[in-house]
């Protein structure tokens, strides 16, 4: 079993590094979501690379967009 290194945790999102990808030897970055009832974490998105993971960590709206949640809501006033 591969150890999970938590990079950041925001709201019910957790960004983790989970070992190395065998095909290319690069780190395996994932977005995990916490179940509100059981509090268990599950993989919700597998990032293509470190840059995409860093972008999602810095922009929570992008993270929501990746998971098809309401995001980038604009004021129409």
N, C-alpha and C. Protein backbone atom coordinates (compact mmCIF):
# COMPACT_ATOMS: atom_id res chain seq x y z
N UNK A 1 0.84 -1.18 0.00
CA UNK A 1 0.00 0.00 0.00
C UNK A 1 0.88 1.24 0.00
N UNK A 2 0.53 2.22 -0.82
CA UNK A 2 1.31 3.44 -0.96
C UNK A 2 0.89 4.47 0.08
N UNK A 3 1.86 5.12 0.67
CA UNK A 3 1.58 6.17 1.65
C UNK A 3 1.04 7.40 0.94
N UNK A 4 0.10 8.07 1.57
CA UNK A 4 -0.51 9.27 1.02
C UNK A 4 0.07 10.49 1.72
N UNK A 5 0.60 11.43 0.93
CA UNK A 5 1.15 12.67 1.47
C UNK A 5 0.15 13.78 1.18
N UNK A 6 -0.41 14.38 2.23
CA UNK A 6 -1.40 15.45 2.07
C UNK A 6 -0.67 16.74 1.76
N UNK A 7 -1.00 17.36 0.62
CA UNK A 7 -0.38 18.62 0.21
C UNK A 7 -1.16 19.82 0.72
N UNK A 8 -2.49 19.72 0.70
CA UNK A 8 -3.36 20.80 1.18
C UNK A 8 -4.75 20.25 1.42
N UNK A 9 -5.47 20.92 2.31
CA UNK A 9 -6.85 20.54 2.59
C UNK A 9 -7.67 21.82 2.73
N UNK A 10 -8.72 21.93 1.89
CA UNK A 10 -9.58 23.10 1.89
C UNK A 10 -11.02 22.61 1.82
N UNK A 11 -11.84 23.06 2.78
CA UNK A 11 -13.23 22.64 2.87
C UNK A 11 -13.31 21.11 2.84
N UNK A 12 -14.08 20.55 1.90
CA UNK A 12 -14.17 19.09 1.82
C UNK A 12 -13.27 18.53 0.72
N UNK A 13 -12.26 19.30 0.31
CA UNK A 13 -11.31 18.88 -0.71
C UNK A 13 -9.95 18.61 -0.06
N UNK A 14 -9.26 17.61 -0.58
CA UNK A 14 -7.91 17.31 -0.11
C UNK A 14 -7.04 16.99 -1.33
N UNK A 15 -5.89 17.64 -1.41
CA UNK A 15 -4.94 17.43 -2.49
C UNK A 15 -3.82 16.55 -1.96
N UNK A 16 -3.57 15.43 -2.63
CA UNK A 16 -2.60 14.47 -2.12
C UNK A 16 -1.64 14.02 -3.21
N UNK A 17 -0.49 13.54 -2.76
CA UNK A 17 0.47 12.86 -3.62
C UNK A 17 0.49 11.41 -3.16
N UNK A 18 0.20 10.52 -4.08
CA UNK A 18 0.06 9.10 -3.71
C UNK A 18 1.04 8.25 -4.51
N UNK A 19 2.30 8.31 -4.12
CA UNK A 19 3.30 7.47 -4.75
C UNK A 19 3.76 7.96 -6.11
N UNK A 20 4.24 7.02 -6.91
CA UNK A 20 4.80 7.29 -8.23
C UNK A 20 4.02 6.50 -9.28
N UNK A 21 3.77 7.12 -10.43
CA UNK A 21 3.11 6.44 -11.54
C UNK A 21 4.14 5.54 -12.22
N UNK A 22 3.84 4.28 -12.35
CA UNK A 22 4.80 3.33 -12.91
C UNK A 22 5.12 3.60 -14.38
N UNK A 23 4.17 4.07 -15.16
CA UNK A 23 4.37 4.26 -16.59
C UNK A 23 5.38 5.35 -16.93
N UNK A 24 5.39 6.44 -16.12
CA UNK A 24 6.28 7.55 -16.46
C UNK A 24 7.23 7.97 -15.33
N UNK A 25 7.10 7.36 -14.16
CA UNK A 25 7.99 7.67 -13.05
C UNK A 25 7.74 9.00 -12.37
N UNK A 26 6.61 9.65 -12.67
CA UNK A 26 6.28 10.96 -12.09
C UNK A 26 5.37 10.76 -10.89
N UNK A 27 5.33 11.75 -9.98
CA UNK A 27 4.44 11.66 -8.82
C UNK A 27 2.97 11.59 -9.24
N UNK A 28 2.18 10.88 -8.45
CA UNK A 28 0.75 10.68 -8.70
C UNK A 28 -0.04 11.66 -7.84
N UNK A 29 -0.55 12.74 -8.46
CA UNK A 29 -1.31 13.77 -7.74
C UNK A 29 -2.80 13.51 -7.91
N UNK A 30 -3.54 13.63 -6.79
CA UNK A 30 -4.97 13.35 -6.81
C UNK A 30 -5.74 14.38 -5.99
N UNK A 31 -7.01 14.55 -6.37
CA UNK A 31 -7.95 15.36 -5.60
C UNK A 31 -8.90 14.38 -4.92
N UNK A 32 -9.04 14.52 -3.62
CA UNK A 32 -9.95 13.66 -2.88
C UNK A 32 -11.06 14.51 -2.27
N UNK A 33 -12.23 13.90 -2.14
CA UNK A 33 -13.40 14.56 -1.57
C UNK A 33 -13.83 13.77 -0.34
N UNK A 34 -14.23 14.50 0.70
CA UNK A 34 -14.64 13.86 1.94
C UNK A 34 -16.15 13.64 1.95
N UNK A 35 -16.56 12.44 2.30
CA UNK A 35 -17.98 12.12 2.45
C UNK A 35 -18.48 12.81 3.71
N UNK A 36 -19.58 13.55 3.59
CA UNK A 36 -20.06 14.34 4.73
C UNK A 36 -20.56 13.46 5.87
N UNK A 37 -20.99 12.25 5.56
CA UNK A 37 -21.56 11.38 6.59
C UNK A 37 -20.50 10.50 7.26
N UNK A 38 -19.71 9.80 6.44
CA UNK A 38 -18.72 8.87 6.99
C UNK A 38 -17.38 9.53 7.28
N UNK A 39 -17.15 10.72 6.70
CA UNK A 39 -15.88 11.46 6.82
C UNK A 39 -14.72 10.75 6.13
N UNK A 40 -15.02 9.74 5.31
CA UNK A 40 -13.98 9.03 4.57
C UNK A 40 -13.60 9.82 3.32
N UNK A 41 -12.34 9.72 2.92
CA UNK A 41 -11.85 10.40 1.72
C UNK A 41 -11.85 9.41 0.55
N UNK A 42 -12.24 9.91 -0.64
CA UNK A 42 -12.20 9.08 -1.85
C UNK A 42 -11.63 9.91 -2.99
N UNK A 43 -10.97 9.24 -3.92
CA UNK A 43 -10.41 9.93 -5.08
C UNK A 43 -11.54 10.44 -5.96
N UNK A 44 -11.46 11.71 -6.32
CA UNK A 44 -12.48 12.31 -7.17
C UNK A 44 -11.91 12.75 -8.52
N UNK A 45 -10.60 13.04 -8.54
CA UNK A 45 -9.97 13.48 -9.78
C UNK A 45 -8.49 13.13 -9.74
N UNK A 46 -7.97 12.62 -10.84
CA UNK A 46 -6.55 12.30 -10.96
C UNK A 46 -5.93 13.37 -11.86
N UNK A 47 -5.00 14.14 -11.30
CA UNK A 47 -4.39 15.23 -12.06
C UNK A 47 -3.42 14.71 -13.11
N UNK A 48 -3.30 15.46 -14.21
CA UNK A 48 -2.37 15.09 -15.28
C UNK A 48 -0.92 15.34 -14.88
N UNK A 49 -0.70 16.40 -14.08
CA UNK A 49 0.66 16.77 -13.71
C UNK A 49 0.65 17.68 -12.48
N UNK A 50 1.84 18.05 -12.02
CA UNK A 50 1.99 18.89 -10.83
C UNK A 50 1.42 20.29 -11.05
N UNK A 51 1.55 20.82 -12.25
CA UNK A 51 1.06 22.16 -12.55
C UNK A 51 -0.46 22.24 -12.41
N UNK A 52 -1.16 21.23 -12.90
CA UNK A 52 -2.61 21.22 -12.79
C UNK A 52 -3.03 21.12 -11.33
N UNK A 53 -2.33 20.32 -10.54
CA UNK A 53 -2.62 20.18 -9.12
C UNK A 53 -2.38 21.52 -8.41
N UNK A 54 -1.29 22.19 -8.71
CA UNK A 54 -0.98 23.48 -8.10
C UNK A 54 -2.03 24.53 -8.47
N UNK A 55 -2.50 24.51 -9.70
CA UNK A 55 -3.54 25.44 -10.14
C UNK A 55 -4.82 25.21 -9.36
N UNK A 56 -5.20 23.95 -9.19
CA UNK A 56 -6.42 23.62 -8.44
C UNK A 56 -6.29 24.01 -6.97
N UNK A 57 -5.09 23.86 -6.39
CA UNK A 57 -4.89 24.24 -4.99
C UNK A 57 -5.00 25.75 -4.81
N UNK A 58 -4.58 26.52 -5.81
CA UNK A 58 -4.60 27.97 -5.68
C UNK A 58 -5.93 28.59 -6.11
N UNK A 59 -6.75 27.86 -6.86
CA UNK A 59 -8.04 28.38 -7.35
C UNK A 59 -9.14 27.37 -7.02
N UNK A 60 -9.84 27.58 -5.93
CA UNK A 60 -10.88 26.65 -5.48
C UNK A 60 -12.02 26.55 -6.49
N UNK A 61 -12.29 27.61 -7.23
CA UNK A 61 -13.34 27.57 -8.25
C UNK A 61 -12.96 26.60 -9.38
N UNK A 62 -11.68 26.54 -9.73
CA UNK A 62 -11.21 25.58 -10.74
C UNK A 62 -11.40 24.16 -10.22
N UNK A 63 -11.14 23.95 -8.94
CA UNK A 63 -11.34 22.64 -8.34
C UNK A 63 -12.80 22.22 -8.46
N UNK A 64 -13.71 23.14 -8.16
CA UNK A 64 -15.14 22.85 -8.29
C UNK A 64 -15.50 22.55 -9.75
N UNK A 65 -14.90 23.30 -10.67
CA UNK A 65 -15.16 23.10 -12.09
C UNK A 65 -14.75 21.69 -12.53
N UNK A 66 -13.60 21.22 -12.04
CA UNK A 66 -13.14 19.87 -12.36
C UNK A 66 -14.13 18.80 -11.92
N UNK A 67 -14.85 19.08 -10.83
CA UNK A 67 -15.80 18.11 -10.27
C UNK A 67 -17.24 18.37 -10.71
N UNK A 68 -17.41 19.27 -11.68
CA UNK A 68 -18.73 19.59 -12.21
C UNK A 68 -19.67 20.12 -11.13
N UNK A 69 -19.13 20.97 -10.25
CA UNK A 69 -19.92 21.64 -9.22
C UNK A 69 -20.12 23.10 -9.64
N UNK A 70 -21.14 23.76 -9.10
CA UNK A 70 -21.32 25.19 -9.42
C UNK A 70 -20.06 25.98 -9.07
N UNK A 71 -19.60 26.79 -10.05
CA UNK A 71 -18.37 27.56 -9.85
C UNK A 71 -18.40 28.82 -10.71
N UNK A 72 -17.45 29.69 -10.44
CA UNK A 72 -17.31 30.93 -11.17
C UNK A 72 -18.66 31.64 -11.33
N UNK A 73 -19.41 31.71 -10.23
CA UNK A 73 -20.72 32.35 -10.25
C UNK A 73 -20.52 33.86 -10.32
N UNK A 74 -21.27 34.49 -11.22
CA UNK A 74 -21.11 35.91 -11.47
C UNK A 74 -22.31 36.68 -10.93
N UNK A 75 -22.05 37.86 -10.40
CA UNK A 75 -23.13 38.75 -9.97
C UNK A 75 -23.75 39.41 -11.20
N UNK A 76 -25.06 39.35 -11.32
CA UNK A 76 -25.74 39.96 -12.48
C UNK A 76 -26.41 41.27 -12.12
N UNK A 77 -25.93 41.94 -11.10
CA UNK A 77 -26.55 43.20 -10.69
C UNK A 77 -26.13 44.35 -11.55
